[in-house]
Amino acid sequence: VGVVAVTPDRVETPEEVAAVIRTAMAYVDPERLLPCSNCGMTPIPYGTALGKIKSIAAGAALVRATL
């Protein structure tokens, strides 16, 4: 599920990522979800891409802790 947008101007918070994952869980079993970006991150700056990847991991961890 695309939990972050590939835009160079903003890194989503882990809480925002967790909210998207929880929304997706209304339609898909959690073990079938693969949190990711909505596209490749090549066109955005490295620091922004890294921040987004860290937010994906942290957001998934927030949700995982509640399962």
PDB file of N, CA and C in Angstrom:
ATOM      1  N   VAL A   1       0.859  -1.166   0.000  1.00  0.00           N
ATOM      2  CA  VAL A   1       0.000   0.000   0.000  1.00  0.00           C
ATOM      3  C   VAL A   1       0.909   1.234   0.000  1.00  0.00           C
ATOM      4  N   GLY A   2       0.618   2.182  -0.855  1.00  0.00           N
ATOM      5  CA  GLY A   2       1.409   3.418  -0.915  1.00  0.00           C
ATOM      6  C   GLY A   2       1.101   4.305   0.284  1.00  0.00           C
ATOM      7  N   VAL A   3       2.020   4.388   1.220  1.00  0.00           N
ATOM      8  CA  VAL A   3       1.765   5.145   2.450  1.00  0.00           C
ATOM      9  C   VAL A   3       2.458   6.498   2.473  1.00  0.00           C
ATOM     10  N   VAL A   4       3.347   6.745   1.514  1.00  0.00           N
ATOM     11  CA  VAL A   4       3.964   8.063   1.370  1.00  0.00           C
ATOM     12  C   VAL A   4       3.911   8.461  -0.098  1.00  0.00           C
ATOM     13  N   ALA A   5       3.805   9.743  -0.341  1.00  0.00           N
ATOM     14  CA  ALA A   5       3.798  10.263  -1.706  1.00  0.00           C
ATOM     15  C   ALA A   5       5.222  10.629  -2.111  1.00  0.00           C
ATOM     16  N   VAL A   6       5.518  10.465  -3.383  1.00  0.00           N
ATOM     17  CA  VAL A   6       6.841  10.810  -3.875  1.00  0.00           C
ATOM     18  C   VAL A   6       6.828  12.291  -4.263  1.00  0.00           C
ATOM     19  N   THR A   7       6.950  13.122  -3.239  1.00  0.00           N
ATOM     20  CA  THR A   7       7.039  14.566  -3.430  1.00  0.00           C
ATOM     21  C   THR A   7       8.265  15.042  -2.671  1.00  0.00           C
ATOM     22  N   PRO A   8       8.998  15.983  -3.235  1.00  0.00           N
ATOM     23  CA  PRO A   8      10.246  16.408  -2.596  1.00  0.00           C
ATOM     24  C   PRO A   8      10.078  17.400  -1.456  1.00  0.00           C
ATOM     25  N   ASP A   9       8.870  17.866  -1.217  1.00  0.00           N
ATOM     26  CA  ASP A   9       8.699  18.970  -0.290  1.00  0.00           C
ATOM     27  C   ASP A   9       8.282  18.584   1.126  1.00  0.00           C
ATOM     28  N   ARG A  10       8.013  17.308   1.371  1.00  0.00           N
ATOM     29  CA  ARG A  10       7.474  16.947   2.678  1.00  0.00           C
ATOM     30  C   ARG A  10       7.731  15.480   3.007  1.00  0.00           C
ATOM     31  N   VAL A  11       8.136  15.241   4.270  1.00  0.00           N
ATOM     32  CA  VAL A  11       8.275  13.871   4.768  1.00  0.00           C
ATOM     33  C   VAL A  11       7.103  13.616   5.706  1.00  0.00           C
ATOM     34  N   GLU A  12       6.346  12.579   5.431  1.00  0.00           N
ATOM     35  CA  GLU A  12       5.211  12.214   6.266  1.00  0.00           C
ATOM     36  C   GLU A  12       5.701  11.773   7.640  1.00  0.00           C
ATOM     37  N   THR A  13       4.884  11.992   8.657  1.00  0.00           N
ATOM     38  CA  THR A  13       5.238  11.546  10.001  1.00  0.00           C
ATOM     39  C   THR A  13       4.906  10.058  10.131  1.00  0.00           C
ATOM     40  N   PRO A  14       5.547   9.373  11.074  1.00  0.00           N
ATOM     41  CA  PRO A  14       5.180   7.979  11.316  1.00  0.00           C
ATOM     42  C   PRO A  14       3.696   7.827  11.662  1.00  0.00           C
ATOM     43  N   GLU A  15       3.129   8.807  12.349  1.00  0.00           N
ATOM     44  CA  GLU A  15       1.704   8.742  12.702  1.00  0.00           C
ATOM     45  C   GLU A  15       0.816   8.834  11.465  1.00  0.00           C
ATOM     46  N   GLU A  16       1.218   9.651  10.499  1.00  0.00           N
ATOM     47  CA  GLU A  16       0.456   9.737   9.243  1.00  0.00           C
ATOM     48  C   GLU A  16       0.533   8.423   8.480  1.00  0.00           C
ATOM     49  N   VAL A  17       1.714   7.843   8.442  1.00  0.00           N
ATOM     50  CA  VAL A  17       1.898   6.554   7.776  1.00  0.00           C
ATOM     51  C   VAL A  17       1.044   5.491   8.472  1.00  0.00           C
ATOM     52  N   ALA A  18       1.069   5.466   9.787  1.00  0.00           N
ATOM     53  CA  ALA A  18       0.278   4.490  10.545  1.00  0.00           C
ATOM     54  C   ALA A  18      -1.204   4.651  10.251  1.00  0.00           C
ATOM     55  N   ALA A  19      -1.664   5.876  10.109  1.00  0.00           N
ATOM     56  CA  ALA A  19      -3.082   6.112   9.807  1.00  0.00           C
ATOM     57  C   ALA A  19      -3.463   5.533   8.453  1.00  0.00           C
ATOM     58  N   VAL A  20      -2.594   5.675   7.463  1.00  0.00           N
ATOM     59  CA  VAL A  20      -2.873   5.108   6.138  1.00  0.00           C
ATOM     60  C   VAL A  20      -2.894   3.582   6.216  1.00  0.00           C
ATOM     61  N   ILE A  21      -1.955   3.016   6.957  1.00  0.00           N
ATOM     62  CA  ILE A  21      -1.923   1.557   7.115  1.00  0.00           C
ATOM     63  C   ILE A  21      -3.201   1.070   7.792  1.00  0.00           C
ATOM     64  N   ARG A  22      -3.624   1.759   8.830  1.00  0.00           N
ATOM     65  CA  ARG A  22      -4.858   1.356   9.533  1.00  0.00           C
ATOM     66  C   ARG A  22      -6.078   1.454   8.613  1.00  0.00           C
ATOM     67  N   THR A  23      -6.117   2.468   7.773  1.00  0.00           N
ATOM     68  CA  THR A  23      -7.219   2.591   6.807  1.00  0.00           C
ATOM     69  C   THR A  23      -7.211   1.403   5.855  1.00  0.00           C
ATOM     70  N   ALA A  24      -6.045   1.040   5.359  1.00  0.00           N
ATOM     71  CA  ALA A  24      -5.932  -0.097   4.442  1.00  0.00           C
ATOM     72  C   ALA A  24      -6.340  -1.398   5.111  1.00  0.00           C
ATOM     73  N   MET A  25      -6.106  -1.499   6.426  1.00  0.00           N
ATOM     74  CA  MET A  25      -6.456  -2.725   7.152  1.00  0.00           C
ATOM     75  C   MET A  25      -7.967  -2.965   7.206  1.00  0.00           C
ATOM     76  N   ALA A  26      -8.758  -1.971   6.872  1.00  0.00           N
ATOM     77  CA  ALA A  26     -10.210  -2.173   6.797  1.00  0.00           C
ATOM     78  C   ALA A  26     -10.572  -3.017   5.574  1.00  0.00           C
ATOM     79  N   TYR A  27      -9.644  -3.121   4.627  1.00  0.00           N
ATOM     80  CA  TYR A  27      -9.911  -3.826   3.373  1.00  0.00           C
ATOM     81  C   TYR A  27      -9.001  -5.021   3.131  1.00  0.00           C
ATOM     82  N   VAL A  28      -7.845  -5.029   3.811  1.00  0.00           N
ATOM     83  CA  VAL A  28      -6.843  -6.066   3.576  1.00  0.00           C
ATOM     84  C   VAL A  28      -6.318  -6.551   4.921  1.00  0.00           C
ATOM     85  N   ASP A  29      -6.133  -7.860   5.058  1.00  0.00           N
ATOM     86  CA  ASP A  29      -5.556  -8.405   6.288  1.00  0.00           C
ATOM     87  C   ASP A  29      -4.146  -7.847   6.482  1.00  0.00           C
ATOM     88  N   PRO A  30      -3.771  -7.519   7.719  1.00  0.00           N
ATOM     89  CA  PRO A  30      -2.467  -6.890   7.972  1.00  0.00           C
ATOM     90  C   PRO A  30      -1.280  -7.681   7.431  1.00  0.00           C
ATOM     91  N   GLU A  31      -1.344  -8.983   7.487  1.00  0.00           N
ATOM     92  CA  GLU A  31      -0.209  -9.791   7.015  1.00  0.00           C
ATOM     93  C   GLU A  31      -0.040  -9.728   5.495  1.00  0.00           C
ATOM     94  N   ARG A  32      -1.017  -9.179   4.802  1.00  0.00           N
ATOM     95  CA  ARG A  32      -0.933  -9.051   3.343  1.00  0.00           C
ATOM     96  C   ARG A  32      -0.521  -7.641   2.899  1.00  0.00           C
ATOM     97  N   LEU A  33      -0.374  -6.717   3.850  1.00  0.00           N
ATOM     98  CA  LEU A  33      -0.006  -5.342   3.516  1.00  0.00           C
ATOM     99  C   LEU A  33       1.506  -5.188   3.420  1.00  0.00           C
ATOM    100  N   LEU A  34       1.943  -4.441   2.437  1.00  0.00           N
ATOM    101  CA  LEU A  34       3.359  -4.125   2.263  1.00  0.00           C
ATOM    102  C   LEU A  34       3.481  -2.606   2.147  1.00  0.00           C
ATOM    103  N   PRO A  35       3.686  -1.913   3.256  1.00  0.00           N
ATOM    104  CA  PRO A  35       3.798  -0.457   3.200  1.00  0.00           C
ATOM    105  C   PRO A  35       4.972  -0.028   2.320  1.00  0.00           C
ATOM    106  N   CYS A  36       4.729   0.960   1.466  1.00  0.00           N
ATOM    107  CA  CYS A  36       5.755   1.428   0.539  1.00  0.00           C
ATOM    108  C   CYS A  36       5.403   2.826   0.050  1.00  0.00           C
ATOM    109  N   SER A  37       6.228   3.365  -0.822  1.00  0.00           N
ATOM    110  CA  SER A  37       5.905   4.651  -1.437  1.00  0.00           C
ATOM    111  C   SER A  37       4.960   4.391  -2.615  1.00  0.00           C
ATOM    112  N   ASN A  38       4.355   5.447  -3.144  1.00  0.00           N
ATOM    113  CA  ASN A  38       3.442   5.268  -4.264  1.00  0.00           C
ATOM    114  C   ASN A  38       4.184   5.190  -5.593  1.00  0.00           C
ATOM    115  N   CYS A  39       5.497   5.319  -5.580  1.00  0.00           N
ATOM    116  CA  CYS A  39       6.316   5.235  -6.790  1.00  0.00           C
ATOM    117  C   CYS A  39       7.781   5.231  -6.357  1.00  0.00           C
ATOM    118  N   GLY A  40       8.676   5.160  -7.291  1.00  0.00           N
ATOM    119  CA  GLY A  40      10.095   5.205  -6.976  1.00  0.00           C
ATOM    120  C   GLY A  40      10.512   6.565  -6.449  1.00  0.00           C
ATOM    121  N   MET A  41      11.560   6.606  -5.636  1.00  0.00           N
ATOM    122  CA  MET A  41      11.985   7.859  -5.026  1.00  0.00           C
ATOM    123  C   MET A  41      13.212   8.467  -5.702  1.00  0.00           C
ATOM    124  N   THR A  42      13.571   7.985  -6.862  1.00  0.00           N
ATOM    125  CA  THR A  42      14.748   8.500  -7.562  1.00  0.00           C
ATOM    126  C   THR A  42      14.693  10.004  -7.822  1.00  0.00           C
ATOM    127  N   PRO A  43      13.533  10.583  -8.162  1.00  0.00           N
ATOM    128  CA  PRO A  43      13.539  12.011  -8.504  1.00  0.00           C
ATOM    129  C   PRO A  43      13.588  12.967  -7.307  1.00  0.00           C
ATOM    130  N   ILE A  44      13.570  12.456  -6.083  1.00  0.00           N
ATOM    131  CA  ILE A  44      13.577  13.362  -4.937  1.00  0.00           C
ATOM    132  C   ILE A  44      14.946  13.324  -4.243  1.00  0.00           C
ATOM    133  N   PRO A  45      15.279  14.362  -3.498  1.00  0.00           N
ATOM    134  CA  PRO A  45      16.585  14.400  -2.820  1.00  0.00           C
ATOM    135  C   PRO A  45      16.771  13.211  -1.866  1.00  0.00           C
ATOM    136  N   TYR A  46      18.023  12.787  -1.753  1.00  0.00           N
ATOM    137  CA  TYR A  46      18.357  11.627  -0.933  1.00  0.00           C
ATOM    138  C   TYR A  46      17.845  11.772   0.500  1.00  0.00           C
ATOM    139  N   GLY A  47      18.061  12.916   1.115  1.00  0.00           N
ATOM    140  CA  GLY A  47      17.644  13.120   2.507  1.00  0.00           C
ATOM    141  C   GLY A  47      16.143  12.999   2.683  1.00  0.00           C
ATOM    142  N   THR A  48      15.394  13.511   1.719  1.00  0.00           N
ATOM    143  CA  THR A  48      13.935  13.406   1.776  1.00  0.00           C
ATOM    144  C   THR A  48      13.510  11.949   1.615  1.00  0.00           C
ATOM    145  N   ALA A  49      14.109  11.257   0.647  1.00  0.00           N
ATOM    146  CA  ALA A  49      13.779   9.849   0.427  1.00  0.00           C
ATOM    147  C   ALA A  49      14.090   9.022   1.673  1.00  0.00           C
ATOM    148  N   LEU A  50      15.234   9.281   2.283  1.00  0.00           N
ATOM    149  CA  LEU A  50      15.610   8.544   3.488  1.00  0.00           C
ATOM    150  C   LEU A  50      14.622   8.828   4.618  1.00  0.00           C
ATOM    151  N   GLY A  51      14.214  10.076   4.755  1.00  0.00           N
ATOM    152  CA  GLY A  51      13.221  10.420   5.769  1.00  0.00           C
ATOM    153  C   GLY A  51      11.908   9.699   5.551  1.00  0.00           C
ATOM    154  N   LYS A  52      11.488   9.595   4.297  1.00  0.00           N
ATOM    155  CA  LYS A  52      10.246   8.894   3.979  1.00  0.00           C
ATOM    156  C   LYS A  52      10.362   7.408   4.301  1.00  0.00           C
ATOM    157  N   ILE A  53      11.502   6.813   3.972  1.00  0.00           N
ATOM    158  CA  ILE A  53      11.716   5.395   4.266  1.00  0.00           C
ATOM    159  C   ILE A  53      11.697   5.153   5.775  1.00  0.00           C
ATOM    160  N   LYS A  54      12.326   6.042   6.527  1.00  0.00           N
ATOM    161  CA  LYS A  54      12.321   5.905   7.985  1.00  0.00           C
ATOM    162  C   LYS A  54      10.905   6.063   8.540  1.00  0.00           C
ATOM    163  N   SER A  55      10.119   6.958   7.960  1.00  0.00           N
ATOM    164  CA  SER A  55       8.731   7.132   8.402  1.00  0.00           C
ATOM    165  C   SER A  55       7.884   5.899   8.095  1.00  0.00           C
ATOM    166  N   ILE A  56       8.141   5.272   6.957  1.00  0.00           N
ATOM    167  CA  ILE A  56       7.422   4.037   6.625  1.00  0.00           C
ATOM    168  C   ILE A  56       7.719   2.972   7.679  1.00  0.00           C
ATOM    169  N   ALA A  57       8.994   2.799   8.004  1.00  0.00           N
ATOM    170  CA  ALA A  57       9.387   1.786   8.993  1.00  0.00           C
ATOM    171  C   ALA A  57       8.795   2.106  10.364  1.00  0.00           C
ATOM    172  N   ALA A  58       8.881   3.362  10.771  1.00  0.00           N
ATOM    173  CA  ALA A  58       8.367   3.742  12.086  1.00  0.00           C
ATOM    174  C   ALA A  58       6.852   3.654  12.143  1.00  0.00           C
ATOM    175  N   GLY A  59       6.171   4.043  11.071  1.00  0.00           N
ATOM    176  CA  GLY A  59       4.708   3.946  11.025  1.00  0.00           C
ATOM    177  C   GLY A  59       4.242   2.500  11.074  1.00  0.00           C
ATOM    178  N   ALA A  60       4.936   1.635  10.344  1.00  0.00           N
ATOM    179  CA  ALA A  60       4.594   0.205  10.374  1.00  0.00           C
ATOM    180  C   ALA A  60       4.818  -0.357  11.780  1.00  0.00           C
ATOM    181  N   ALA A  61       5.878   0.081  12.439  1.00  0.00           N
ATOM    182  CA  ALA A  61       6.156  -0.380  13.805  1.00  0.00           C
ATOM    183  C   ALA A  61       5.051   0.065  14.769  1.00  0.00           C
ATOM    184  N   LEU A  62       4.549   1.269  14.596  1.00  0.00           N
ATOM    185  CA  LEU A  62       3.455   1.744  15.446  1.00  0.00           C
ATOM    186  C   LEU A  62       2.228   0.840  15.303  1.00  0.00           C
ATOM    187  N   VAL A  63       1.905   0.502  14.071  1.00  0.00           N
ATOM    188  CA  VAL A  63       0.742  -0.357  13.839  1.00  0.00           C
ATOM    189  C   VAL A  63       1.007  -1.763  14.353  1.00  0.00           C
ATOM    190  N   ARG A  64       2.177  -2.269  14.072  1.00  0.00           N
ATOM    191  CA  ARG A  64       2.542  -3.643  14.492  1.00  0.00           C
ATOM    192  C   ARG A  64       2.434  -3.794  16.009  1.00  0.00           C
ATOM    193  N   ALA A  65       2.778  -2.753  16.735  1.00  0.00           N
ATOM    194  CA  ALA A  65       2.734  -2.809  18.197  1.00  0.00           C
ATOM    195  C   ALA A  65       1.315  -2.934  18.740  1.00  0.00           C
ATOM    196  N   THR A  66       0.333  -2.598  17.924  1.00  0.00           N
ATOM    197  CA  THR A  66      -1.065  -2.675  18.374  1.00  0.00           C
ATOM    198  C   THR A  66      -1.751  -3.966  17.932  1.00  0.00           C
ATOM    199  N   LEU A  67      -1.091  -4.773  17.147  1.00  0.00           N
ATOM    200  CA  LEU A  67      -1.716  -6.021  16.651  1.00  0.00           C
ATOM    201  C   LEU A  67      -1.554  -7.158  17.648  1.00  0.00           C
TER     202      LEU A  67
END
